[in-house]
Amino acid sequence: MPQSIKCFTIAYIAHGVIMLLHGILMRDRLDADTVQLLGEFGLPFVLAIRFGLIALLAWGVSIRANNFAKWAVVVFIAGMVFRIPQAWGGIAEGNVRAIVWAFGFLTGVSAVCFLFAPGARYWFTGKGRSVKADAAVFD
């Protein structure tokens, strides 16, 4: 496994943990809607699904070398860009939630950057097989 994929996995799982913390900090906003929709265990259910999806995508990229998982990660992190203005206002006010979100966003962006490193290109091209011996074939 290339170093860039190992770094992606660490950064993306860190992103998941940070966003899980963000979800816990947002419980007062989420509770009313989720309790009404899903009952008493709504918030833990939503957070478990969010982290489960992150773990599934990390597995798809780091173990299966799945191109769909790679692009799903890119789309999900790119979708967070639209919340930057809202977070920026919260950061300026010293809002802890916004600061945690910003750290989560930055770890997600760093994870995406690792997906486009040269070693990752070989990883996805070879579908996770070792290509050390014949990596020149892909140049």
Protein backbone atom coordinates (compact mmCIF):
# COMPACT_ATOMS: atom_id res chain seq x y z
CA MET A 1 0.00 0.00 0.00
CA PRO A 2 1.46 3.39 -0.97
CA GLN A 3 2.30 5.92 1.73
CA SER A 4 -0.24 8.37 0.26
CA ILE A 5 -3.06 5.86 0.79
CA LYS A 6 -1.92 5.23 4.36
CA CYS A 7 -1.91 8.98 4.98
CA PHE A 8 -5.34 9.28 3.35
CA THR A 9 -6.73 6.63 5.67
CA ILE A 10 -5.38 8.33 8.77
CA ALA A 11 -6.57 11.78 7.66
CA TYR A 12 -10.02 10.58 6.61
CA ILE A 13 -10.63 8.62 9.82
CA ALA A 14 -9.46 11.71 11.76
CA HIS A 15 -11.96 13.71 9.70
CA GLY A 16 -14.66 11.23 10.72
CA VAL A 17 -13.79 11.45 14.41
CA ILE A 18 -13.70 15.26 14.32
CA MET A 19 -17.03 15.41 12.49
CA LEU A 20 -18.46 12.95 15.04
CA LEU A 21 -17.38 15.37 17.77
CA HIS A 22 -18.99 18.18 15.77
CA GLY A 23 -22.22 16.19 15.59
CA ILE A 24 -22.17 15.68 19.35
CA LEU A 25 -21.63 19.42 19.87
CA MET A 26 -24.58 20.08 17.55
CA ARG A 27 -26.91 17.82 19.54
CA ASP A 28 -29.15 20.68 20.67
CA ARG A 29 -29.84 21.57 17.03
CA LEU A 30 -30.19 17.99 15.85
CA ASP A 31 -32.15 16.58 18.76
CA ALA A 32 -35.47 18.27 18.04
CA ASP A 33 -35.65 17.08 14.45
CA THR A 34 -34.11 13.66 14.94
CA VAL A 35 -36.14 12.85 18.06
CA GLN A 36 -39.32 13.76 16.25
CA LEU A 37 -38.34 11.69 13.23
CA LEU A 38 -36.43 8.74 14.71
CA GLY A 39 -37.36 8.70 18.38
CA GLU A 40 -35.18 8.75 21.47
CA PHE A 41 -32.14 7.20 19.80
CA GLY A 42 -32.24 9.48 16.76
CA LEU A 43 -29.01 11.39 17.34
CA PRO A 44 -26.83 8.32 18.06
CA PHE A 45 -28.40 6.66 15.02
CA VAL A 46 -27.58 9.60 12.74
CA LEU A 47 -24.03 9.88 14.09
CA ALA A 48 -23.46 6.13 13.71
CA ILE A 49 -24.62 6.26 10.08
CA ARG A 50 -22.37 9.25 9.37
CA PHE A 51 -19.30 7.59 10.86
CA GLY A 52 -20.22 4.26 9.29
CA LEU A 53 -20.32 5.86 5.85
CA ILE A 54 -16.92 7.46 6.45
CA ALA A 55 -15.49 4.10 7.58
CA LEU A 56 -17.01 2.34 4.57
CA LEU A 57 -15.50 4.86 2.15
CA ALA A 58 -12.11 4.66 3.89
CA TRP A 59 -12.27 0.87 3.53
CA GLY A 60 -13.25 1.18 -0.13
CA VAL A 61 -10.27 3.39 -0.87
CA SER A 62 -7.59 1.83 1.33
CA ILE A 63 -8.44 -1.86 1.02
CA ARG A 64 -10.43 -2.26 -2.19
CA ALA A 65 -8.81 0.57 -4.22
CA ASN A 66 -12.31 1.43 -5.40
CA ASN A 67 -12.57 4.42 -7.75
CA PHE A 68 -16.22 5.02 -6.81
CA ALA A 69 -15.23 5.36 -3.13
CA LYS A 70 -12.46 7.78 -4.11
CA TRP A 71 -14.83 10.05 -6.00
CA ALA A 72 -17.53 9.77 -3.33
CA VAL A 73 -15.02 11.08 -0.78
CA VAL A 74 -14.10 13.93 -3.12
CA VAL A 75 -17.78 14.86 -3.66
CA PHE A 76 -18.63 14.74 0.06
CA ILE A 77 -15.67 16.92 1.02
CA ALA A 78 -16.32 19.30 -1.90
CA GLY A 79 -19.91 19.64 -0.68
CA MET A 80 -18.59 21.03 2.59
CA VAL A 81 -17.18 24.04 0.73
CA PHE A 82 -20.63 25.63 0.66
CA ARG A 83 -20.63 25.87 4.46
CA ILE A 84 -17.37 27.84 4.66
CA PRO A 85 -19.05 31.30 4.85
CA GLN A 86 -21.28 30.15 7.71
CA ALA A 87 -18.33 28.58 9.53
CA TRP A 88 -16.19 31.67 8.95
CA GLY A 89 -18.76 33.79 10.76
CA GLY A 90 -18.83 31.31 13.63
CA ILE A 91 -15.04 31.24 13.85
CA ALA A 92 -14.96 35.04 13.99
CA GLU A 93 -17.38 34.89 16.93
CA GLY A 94 -15.29 32.21 18.67
CA ASN A 95 -17.95 29.51 18.26
CA VAL A 96 -16.44 26.16 19.28
CA ARG A 97 -18.70 24.26 16.88
CA ALA A 98 -17.47 26.27 13.92
CA ILE A 99 -13.85 25.79 14.95
CA VAL A 100 -14.33 22.02 15.25
CA TRP A 101 -16.07 22.00 11.85
CA ALA A 102 -13.15 23.91 10.33
CA PHE A 103 -10.65 21.36 11.67
CA GLY A 104 -12.83 18.58 10.28
CA PHE A 105 -13.00 20.30 6.92
CA LEU A 106 -9.23 20.79 6.79
CA THR A 107 -8.53 17.15 7.64
CA GLY A 108 -11.02 16.14 4.94
CA VAL A 109 -9.29 18.36 2.38
CA SER A 110 -5.91 16.93 3.33
CA ALA A 111 -7.33 13.41 2.90
CA VAL A 112 -8.56 14.30 -0.59
CA CYS A 113 -5.15 15.71 -1.50
CA PHE A 114 -3.56 12.34 -0.64
CA LEU A 115 -5.95 10.67 -3.08
CA PHE A 116 -4.30 12.49 -5.98
CA ALA A 117 -0.67 11.78 -5.10
CA PRO A 118 1.33 9.73 -7.66
CA GLY A 119 1.38 6.63 -5.44
CA ALA A 120 -2.40 6.75 -5.13
CA ARG A 121 -2.71 6.84 -8.92
CA TYR A 122 -0.84 3.53 -9.14
CA TRP A 123 -2.95 2.15 -6.29
CA PHE A 124 -6.23 2.79 -8.08
CA THR A 125 -4.88 1.73 -11.48
CA GLY A 126 -3.64 -1.57 -10.09
CA LYS A 127 -6.83 -2.08 -8.03
CA GLY A 128 -4.78 -2.42 -4.87
CA ARG A 129 -2.25 -4.91 -6.20
CA SER A 130 1.41 -4.21 -5.77
CA VAL A 131 2.79 -2.36 -8.77
CA LYS A 132 6.31 -1.73 -7.48
CA ALA A 133 7.92 -4.00 -10.03
CA ASP A 134 6.23 -2.54 -13.09
CA ALA A 135 5.14 0.96 -12.09
CA ALA A 136 6.80 2.37 -15.22
CA VAL A 137 4.03 0.76 -17.28
CA PHE A 138 1.64 3.46 -16.10
CA ASP A 139 3.84 6.40 -17.12
